[in-house]
Amino acid sequence: MKKQPKIDVEVRRAANIFQFVLKTKKAHNWVDENVHSEPWQWMGNVLNVEHDVALNLSNGMQKAGLKVV
């Protein structure tokens, strides 16, 4: 049986907020290097963004080779 690739980021929707759950060090490093965020956007390893940012963020992560589901 073929092993599934490791998920780097899980995206959840909570009303009009999208939650990017960073599951790997690779995902954390990418966000640190590429995303400007404020402390209030974070809940542990979860980055919360508004809907108008979510698609671009997800696309950027995927283009960088992160597995986003």
N, C-alpha and C. Protein backbone atom coordinates (compact mmCIF):
# COMPACT_ATOMS: atom_id res chain seq x y z
N MET A 1 0.85 -1.18 0.00
CA MET A 1 0.00 0.00 0.00
C MET A 1 0.89 1.25 0.00
N LYS A 2 0.59 2.19 -0.88
CA LYS A 2 1.37 3.40 -1.01
C LYS A 2 1.05 4.37 0.13
N LYS A 3 2.11 4.90 0.74
CA LYS A 3 1.93 5.85 1.85
C LYS A 3 1.52 7.22 1.31
N GLN A 4 0.52 7.83 1.95
CA GLN A 4 0.06 9.15 1.57
C GLN A 4 1.11 10.21 1.95
N PRO A 5 1.27 11.24 1.12
CA PRO A 5 2.20 12.32 1.48
C PRO A 5 1.74 13.01 2.76
N LYS A 6 2.70 13.46 3.53
CA LYS A 6 2.40 14.14 4.79
C LYS A 6 1.70 15.47 4.51
N ILE A 7 0.65 15.75 5.25
CA ILE A 7 -0.07 17.02 5.12
C ILE A 7 0.70 18.08 5.89
N ASP A 8 1.00 19.18 5.20
CA ASP A 8 1.70 20.29 5.84
C ASP A 8 0.75 21.29 6.48
N VAL A 9 -0.38 21.52 5.81
CA VAL A 9 -1.34 22.53 6.27
C VAL A 9 -2.76 22.02 6.06
N GLU A 10 -3.55 22.14 7.10
CA GLU A 10 -4.98 21.83 7.01
C GLU A 10 -5.75 23.13 7.08
N VAL A 11 -6.66 23.36 6.14
CA VAL A 11 -7.44 24.59 6.12
C VAL A 11 -8.85 24.28 6.59
N ARG A 12 -9.31 25.09 7.53
CA ARG A 12 -10.68 24.96 8.06
C ARG A 12 -11.38 26.30 7.89
N ARG A 13 -12.68 26.24 7.75
CA ARG A 13 -13.48 27.47 7.65
C ARG A 13 -14.31 27.62 8.91
N ALA A 14 -14.26 28.81 9.48
CA ALA A 14 -15.07 29.14 10.65
C ALA A 14 -15.76 30.47 10.35
N ALA A 15 -17.00 30.38 9.89
CA ALA A 15 -17.76 31.57 9.45
C ALA A 15 -16.98 32.23 8.31
N ASN A 16 -16.59 33.49 8.45
CA ASN A 16 -15.87 34.16 7.37
C ASN A 16 -14.36 34.17 7.62
N ILE A 17 -13.89 33.37 8.54
CA ILE A 17 -12.46 33.25 8.85
C ILE A 17 -11.97 31.88 8.39
N PHE A 18 -10.79 31.86 7.80
CA PHE A 18 -10.16 30.60 7.43
C PHE A 18 -9.00 30.34 8.36
N GLN A 19 -8.92 29.14 8.86
CA GLN A 19 -7.89 28.74 9.80
C GLN A 19 -6.90 27.83 9.08
N PHE A 20 -5.64 28.24 9.07
CA PHE A 20 -4.57 27.46 8.48
C PHE A 20 -3.82 26.77 9.61
N VAL A 21 -4.04 25.47 9.75
CA VAL A 21 -3.42 24.69 10.82
C VAL A 21 -2.08 24.19 10.29
N LEU A 22 -1.00 24.71 10.85
CA LEU A 22 0.34 24.34 10.40
C LEU A 22 0.76 23.07 11.11
N LYS A 23 0.98 22.01 10.33
CA LYS A 23 1.23 20.68 10.89
C LYS A 23 2.70 20.25 10.83
N THR A 24 3.51 20.97 10.05
CA THR A 24 4.91 20.57 9.91
C THR A 24 5.84 21.76 10.11
N LYS A 25 7.08 21.44 10.37
CA LYS A 25 8.12 22.48 10.50
C LYS A 25 8.28 23.22 9.17
N LYS A 26 8.17 22.48 8.08
CA LYS A 26 8.26 23.08 6.74
C LYS A 26 7.20 24.17 6.57
N ALA A 27 5.98 23.91 7.02
CA ALA A 27 4.90 24.89 6.92
C ALA A 27 5.18 26.10 7.79
N HIS A 28 5.64 25.86 9.01
CA HIS A 28 5.97 26.97 9.92
C HIS A 28 7.07 27.85 9.31
N ASN A 29 8.09 27.21 8.77
CA ASN A 29 9.19 27.97 8.17
C ASN A 29 8.71 28.81 7.00
N TRP A 30 7.86 28.23 6.15
CA TRP A 30 7.36 28.97 5.00
C TRP A 30 6.56 30.19 5.45
N VAL A 31 5.69 30.02 6.43
CA VAL A 31 4.89 31.15 6.93
C VAL A 31 5.80 32.21 7.53
N ASP A 32 6.79 31.80 8.32
CA ASP A 32 7.73 32.76 8.92
C ASP A 32 8.43 33.61 7.86
N GLU A 33 8.76 32.99 6.73
CA GLU A 33 9.52 33.67 5.68
C GLU A 33 8.65 34.44 4.69
N ASN A 34 7.37 34.10 4.58
CA ASN A 34 6.55 34.64 3.50
C ASN A 34 5.28 35.37 3.90
N VAL A 35 4.90 35.31 5.15
CA VAL A 35 3.60 35.86 5.55
C VAL A 35 3.80 36.90 6.65
N HIS A 36 3.21 38.07 6.43
CA HIS A 36 3.17 39.08 7.48
C HIS A 36 1.88 38.86 8.26
N SER A 37 2.01 38.59 9.54
CA SER A 37 0.82 38.38 10.37
C SER A 37 1.00 39.12 11.68
N GLU A 38 -0.11 39.30 12.36
CA GLU A 38 -0.14 39.95 13.66
C GLU A 38 -0.34 38.89 14.74
N PRO A 39 0.15 39.15 15.94
CA PRO A 39 0.00 38.16 17.02
C PRO A 39 -1.44 37.73 17.27
N TRP A 40 -2.40 38.63 17.11
CA TRP A 40 -3.80 38.29 17.37
C TRP A 40 -4.38 37.32 16.35
N GLN A 41 -3.66 37.10 15.22
CA GLN A 41 -4.15 36.16 14.21
C GLN A 41 -3.82 34.71 14.57
N TRP A 42 -3.02 34.51 15.59
CA TRP A 42 -2.54 33.17 15.93
C TRP A 42 -3.24 32.61 17.16
N MET A 43 -3.55 31.32 17.07
CA MET A 43 -4.02 30.54 18.22
C MET A 43 -3.19 29.27 18.20
N GLY A 44 -2.09 29.27 18.91
CA GLY A 44 -1.18 28.13 18.87
C GLY A 44 -0.55 28.04 17.49
N ASN A 45 -0.73 26.89 16.83
CA ASN A 45 -0.17 26.70 15.50
C ASN A 45 -1.20 26.99 14.38
N VAL A 46 -2.23 27.75 14.70
CA VAL A 46 -3.30 28.07 13.75
C VAL A 46 -3.24 29.55 13.39
N LEU A 47 -3.07 29.81 12.09
CA LEU A 47 -3.10 31.17 11.57
C LEU A 47 -4.50 31.45 11.05
N ASN A 48 -5.14 32.49 11.56
CA ASN A 48 -6.49 32.87 11.17
C ASN A 48 -6.43 34.04 10.20
N VAL A 49 -7.09 33.89 9.04
CA VAL A 49 -7.10 34.97 8.05
C VAL A 49 -8.51 35.16 7.52
N GLU A 50 -8.75 36.35 6.98
CA GLU A 50 -10.05 36.64 6.38
C GLU A 50 -10.15 35.96 5.02
N HIS A 51 -11.37 35.80 4.56
CA HIS A 51 -11.65 35.07 3.33
C HIS A 51 -10.93 35.64 2.12
N ASP A 52 -10.73 36.97 2.07
CA ASP A 52 -10.10 37.57 0.90
C ASP A 52 -8.60 37.29 0.82
N VAL A 53 -8.01 36.77 1.87
CA VAL A 53 -6.59 36.43 1.90
C VAL A 53 -6.37 34.93 1.71
N ALA A 54 -7.34 34.14 2.07
CA ALA A 54 -7.18 32.68 2.16
C ALA A 54 -6.76 32.03 0.84
N LEU A 55 -7.37 32.41 -0.27
CA LEU A 55 -7.06 31.76 -1.54
C LEU A 55 -5.62 32.03 -1.96
N ASN A 56 -5.18 33.28 -1.86
CA ASN A 56 -3.80 33.61 -2.22
C ASN A 56 -2.81 32.91 -1.31
N LEU A 57 -3.13 32.83 -0.04
CA LEU A 57 -2.25 32.15 0.91
C LEU A 57 -2.14 30.67 0.57
N SER A 58 -3.26 30.04 0.33
CA SER A 58 -3.28 28.63 -0.02
C SER A 58 -2.51 28.37 -1.32
N ASN A 59 -2.73 29.20 -2.33
CA ASN A 59 -2.03 29.04 -3.60
C ASN A 59 -0.52 29.20 -3.43
N GLY A 60 -0.11 30.18 -2.65
CA GLY A 60 1.32 30.39 -2.41
C GLY A 60 1.96 29.20 -1.71
N MET A 61 1.26 28.66 -0.75
CA MET A 61 1.77 27.47 -0.05
C MET A 61 1.93 26.29 -1.00
N GLN A 62 0.92 26.08 -1.83
CA GLN A 62 0.96 24.96 -2.77
C GLN A 62 2.07 25.14 -3.81
N LYS A 63 2.25 26.36 -4.30
CA LYS A 63 3.32 26.63 -5.26
C LYS A 63 4.69 26.38 -4.65
N ALA A 64 4.80 26.55 -3.34
CA ALA A 64 6.06 26.31 -2.65
C ALA A 64 6.28 24.83 -2.35
N GLY A 65 5.31 24.00 -2.70
CA GLY A 65 5.46 22.57 -2.51
C GLY A 65 4.84 22.02 -1.24
N LEU A 66 4.10 22.86 -0.51
CA LEU A 66 3.43 22.37 0.69
C LEU A 66 2.16 21.62 0.30
N LYS A 67 1.86 20.57 1.03
CA LYS A 67 0.61 19.82 0.81
C LYS A 67 -0.46 20.47 1.69
N VAL A 68 -1.45 21.06 1.03
CA VAL A 68 -2.53 21.79 1.71
C VAL A 68 -3.84 21.07 1.44
N VAL A 69 -4.57 20.75 2.53
CA VAL A 69 -5.87 20.10 2.38
C VAL A 69 -6.92 20.85 3.18
